[in-house]
C-alpha atoms as a PDB file:
ATOM      1  CA  MET A   1       0.067   0.002  -0.028  1.00  0.00           C
ATOM      2  CA  LEU A   2       1.295   3.480  -0.961  1.00  0.00           C
ATOM      3  CA  ILE A   3       1.356   5.812   1.933  1.00  0.00           C
ATOM      4  CA  THR A   4       0.092   9.194   1.007  1.00  0.00           C
ATOM      5  CA  GLU A   5      -0.830  12.309   2.943  1.00  0.00           C
ATOM      6  CA  ASN A   6      -4.424  10.999   2.688  1.00  0.00           C
ATOM      7  CA  CYS A   7      -3.460   7.832   4.755  1.00  0.00           C
ATOM      8  CA  PRO A   8      -5.175   7.853   7.984  1.00  0.00           C
ATOM      9  CA  VAL A   9      -2.367   6.120   9.837  1.00  0.00           C
ATOM     10  CA  ASN A  10       0.175   8.422   8.320  1.00  0.00           C
ATOM     11  CA  VAL A  11      -2.024  11.500   9.461  1.00  0.00           C
ATOM     12  CA  ALA A  12      -2.447  10.146  12.989  1.00  0.00           C
ATOM     13  CA  LEU A  13       1.353   9.373  13.392  1.00  0.00           C
ATOM     14  CA  GLY A  14       1.849  12.781  12.233  1.00  0.00           C
ATOM     15  CA  VAL A  15       0.045  14.017  15.217  1.00  0.00           C
ATOM     16  CA  ILE A  16       0.862  11.454  18.008  1.00  0.00           C
ATOM     17  CA  GLY A  17       4.091   9.823  16.655  1.00  0.00           C
ATOM     18  CA  GLY A  18       7.462  10.578  18.097  1.00  0.00           C
ATOM     19  CA  LYS A  19       9.150   9.595  21.307  1.00  0.00           C
ATOM     20  CA  TRP A  20       7.298  11.749  23.832  1.00  0.00           C
ATOM     21  CA  ARG A  21       3.897  12.562  22.638  1.00  0.00           C
ATOM     22  CA  LEU A  22       1.873   9.686  23.768  1.00  0.00           C
ATOM     23  CA  LEU A  23       3.787   9.827  27.063  1.00  0.00           C
ATOM     24  CA  ILE A  24       2.657  13.576  27.423  1.00  0.00           C
ATOM     25  CA  ILE A  25      -0.901  12.774  26.437  1.00  0.00           C
ATOM     26  CA  PHE A  26      -0.804   9.849  28.905  1.00  0.00           C
ATOM     27  CA  GLN A  27       0.421  11.846  31.860  1.00  0.00           C
ATOM     28  CA  ILE A  28      -2.236  14.589  31.312  1.00  0.00           C
ATOM     29  CA  GLY A  29      -5.103  12.175  30.771  1.00  0.00           C
ATOM     30  CA  TYR A  30      -8.300  13.807  32.138  1.00  0.00           C
ATOM     31  CA  GLU A  31      -6.386  16.084  34.546  1.00  0.00           C
ATOM     32  CA  LYS A  32      -5.026  19.727  34.097  1.00  0.00           C
ATOM     33  CA  ARG A  33      -1.405  19.708  34.363  1.00  0.00           C
ATOM     34  CA  ARG A  34       1.262  22.399  34.605  1.00  0.00           C
ATOM     35  CA  PHE A  35       4.661  22.413  32.833  1.00  0.00           C
ATOM     36  CA  GLY A  36       6.515  21.550  36.108  1.00  0.00           C
ATOM     37  CA  GLU A  37       4.262  18.578  36.840  1.00  0.00           C
ATOM     38  CA  LEU A  38       4.721  17.102  33.481  1.00  0.00           C
ATOM     39  CA  LYS A  39       8.575  17.577  33.790  1.00  0.00           C
ATOM     40  CA  ARG A  40       8.422  15.620  37.097  1.00  0.00           C
ATOM     41  CA  LEU A  41       6.045  13.011  35.728  1.00  0.00           C
ATOM     42  CA  ILE A  42       8.541  12.514  32.559  1.00  0.00           C
ATOM     43  CA  PRO A  43      12.148  13.162  34.008  1.00  0.00           C
ATOM     44  CA  GLN A  44      13.680  11.809  30.919  1.00  0.00           C
ATOM     45  CA  ILE A  45      12.512  14.532  28.736  1.00  0.00           C
ATOM     46  CA  SER A  46      14.493  17.843  28.384  1.00  0.00           C
ATOM     47  CA  GLU A  47      12.727  21.052  29.107  1.00  0.00           C
ATOM     48  CA  LYS A  48      13.338  22.230  25.519  1.00  0.00           C
ATOM     49  CA  MET A  49      11.687  19.045  24.207  1.00  0.00           C
ATOM     50  CA  LEU A  50       8.901  19.337  26.527  1.00  0.00           C
ATOM     51  CA  ILE A  51       8.145  23.027  25.538  1.00  0.00           C
ATOM     52  CA  GLN A  52       8.349  21.999  21.833  1.00  0.00           C
ATOM     53  CA  GLU A  53       6.153  18.906  22.224  1.00  0.00           C
ATOM     54  CA  LEU A  54       3.403  20.848  24.178  1.00  0.00           C
ATOM     55  CA  LYS A  55       3.428  23.605  21.610  1.00  0.00           C
ATOM     56  CA  ASN A  56       3.173  20.862  18.694  1.00  0.00           C
ATOM     57  CA  LEU A  57       0.313  19.078  20.485  1.00  0.00           C
ATOM     58  CA  THR A  58      -1.471  22.411  21.151  1.00  0.00           C
ATOM     59  CA  ASN A  59      -1.113  23.363  17.425  1.00  0.00           C
ATOM     60  CA  ALA A  60      -2.501  19.917  16.491  1.00  0.00           C
ATOM     61  CA  GLY A  61      -5.730  20.549  18.514  1.00  0.00           C
ATOM     62  CA  VAL A  62      -4.864  17.692  21.053  1.00  0.00           C
ATOM     63  CA  LEU A  63      -4.079  19.930  23.973  1.00  0.00           C
ATOM     64  CA  ASN A  64      -5.620  23.184  25.367  1.00  0.00           C
ATOM     65  CA  ARG A  65      -3.244  25.701  26.914  1.00  0.00           C
ATOM     66  CA  LYS A  66      -4.649  28.011  29.416  1.00  0.00           C
ATOM     67  CA  ALA A  67      -2.471  30.846  30.711  1.00  0.00           C
ATOM     68  CA  TYR A  68      -3.397  32.790  33.721  1.00  0.00           C
ATOM     69  CA  LYS A  69      -2.368  36.473  34.101  1.00  0.00           C
ATOM     70  CA  GLU A  70      -0.702  36.242  37.529  1.00  0.00           C
ATOM     71  CA  ILE A  71       2.795  36.393  38.811  1.00  0.00           C
ATOM     72  CA  PRO A  72       4.558  34.032  38.684  1.00  0.00           C
ATOM     73  CA  PRO A  73       2.906  32.951  35.388  1.00  0.00           C
ATOM     74  CA  LYS A  74       0.575  29.997  35.437  1.00  0.00           C
ATOM     75  CA  VAL A  75      -0.109  27.815  32.468  1.00  0.00           C
ATOM     76  CA  GLU A  76      -2.203  24.656  32.506  1.00  0.00           C
ATOM     77  CA  TYR A  77      -2.410  21.960  29.883  1.00  0.00           C
ATOM     78  CA  SER A  78      -5.476  19.715  29.428  1.00  0.00           C
ATOM     79  CA  LEU A  79      -6.727  17.472  26.579  1.00  0.00           C
ATOM     80  CA  THR A  80      -9.173  18.657  23.966  1.00  0.00           C
ATOM     81  CA  LEU A  81     -12.148  16.426  22.949  1.00  0.00           C
ATOM     82  CA  GLU A  82      -9.888  15.296  20.132  1.00  0.00           C
ATOM     83  CA  GLY A  83      -7.034  14.653  22.468  1.00  0.00           C
ATOM     84  CA  GLN A  84      -9.281  12.486  24.683  1.00  0.00           C
ATOM     85  CA  LYS A  85     -10.008  10.193  21.844  1.00  0.00           C
ATOM     86  CA  ILE A  86      -6.421   9.007  21.937  1.00  0.00           C
ATOM     87  CA  LEU A  87      -6.708   7.738  25.633  1.00  0.00           C
ATOM     88  CA  PRO A  88      -8.403   4.418  24.580  1.00  0.00           C
ATOM     89  CA  ILE A  89      -5.467   3.896  22.060  1.00  0.00           C
ATOM     90  CA  ILE A  90      -2.906   4.547  24.982  1.00  0.00           C
ATOM     91  CA  ASP A  91      -4.998   1.966  27.124  1.00  0.00           C
ATOM     92  CA  GLN A  92      -4.380  -0.623  24.479  1.00  0.00           C
ATOM     93  CA  ILE A  93      -0.694   0.221  24.223  1.00  0.00           C
ATOM     94  CA  LYS A  94      -0.498   0.012  28.018  1.00  0.00           C
ATOM     95  CA  LYS A  95      -2.052  -3.597  27.779  1.00  0.00           C
ATOM     96  CA  PHE A  96       0.290  -4.705  25.152  1.00  0.00           C
ATOM     97  CA  GLY A  97       3.176  -3.253  27.166  1.00  0.00           C
ATOM     98  CA  SER A  98       2.010  -4.988  30.241  1.00  0.00           C
ATOM     99  CA  GLY A  99       1.870  -8.308  28.348  1.00  0.00           C
ATOM    100  CA  MET A 100       5.276  -7.882  27.037  1.00  0.00           C
ATOM    101  CA  ILE A 101       6.559  -7.262  30.662  1.00  0.00           C
ATOM    102  CA  GLU A 102       4.987 -10.406  31.876  1.00  0.00           C
ATOM    103  CA  LYS A 103       6.283 -12.434  29.002  1.00  0.00           C
ATOM    104  CA  THR A 104       9.838 -11.056  29.689  1.00  0.00           C
ATOM    105  CA  ASN A 105       9.558 -11.815  33.322  1.00  0.00           C
ATOM    106  CA  ALA A 106       8.173 -15.327  32.751  1.00  0.00           C
ATOM    107  CA  ASN A 107      11.117 -16.013  30.428  1.00  0.00           C
ATOM    108  CA  LYS A 108      13.607 -14.769  33.037  1.00  0.00           C
ATOM    109  CA  GLU A 109      12.167 -16.993  35.598  1.00  0.00           C
ATOM    110  CA  LEU A 110      12.586 -19.965  33.268  1.00  0.00           C
ATOM    111  CA  ARG A 111      16.307 -19.464  32.819  1.00  0.00           C
END
């Protein structure tokens, strides 16, 4: 099958693909999260990359960004209705990952 820009999988991966995007979406879930919370929840991500990915997900319509006019500045991120549609996909990926962990642990025990 030829992958084109009209390919639904290609379009979806353009929005949620990459190393960090699904983790960010997973960590936000149905909550409102601030930048510092996300940085603590995903300690492996650099600050620059987190800023970039939050911007990308906001531009893609997956995240809402609400900035409060106070000092120090307060910004909260939450999933849009479109973004919430990704959560069941993440649940399936989580189940798959759990199965892989169980399989790996079972193989280790057999050795």
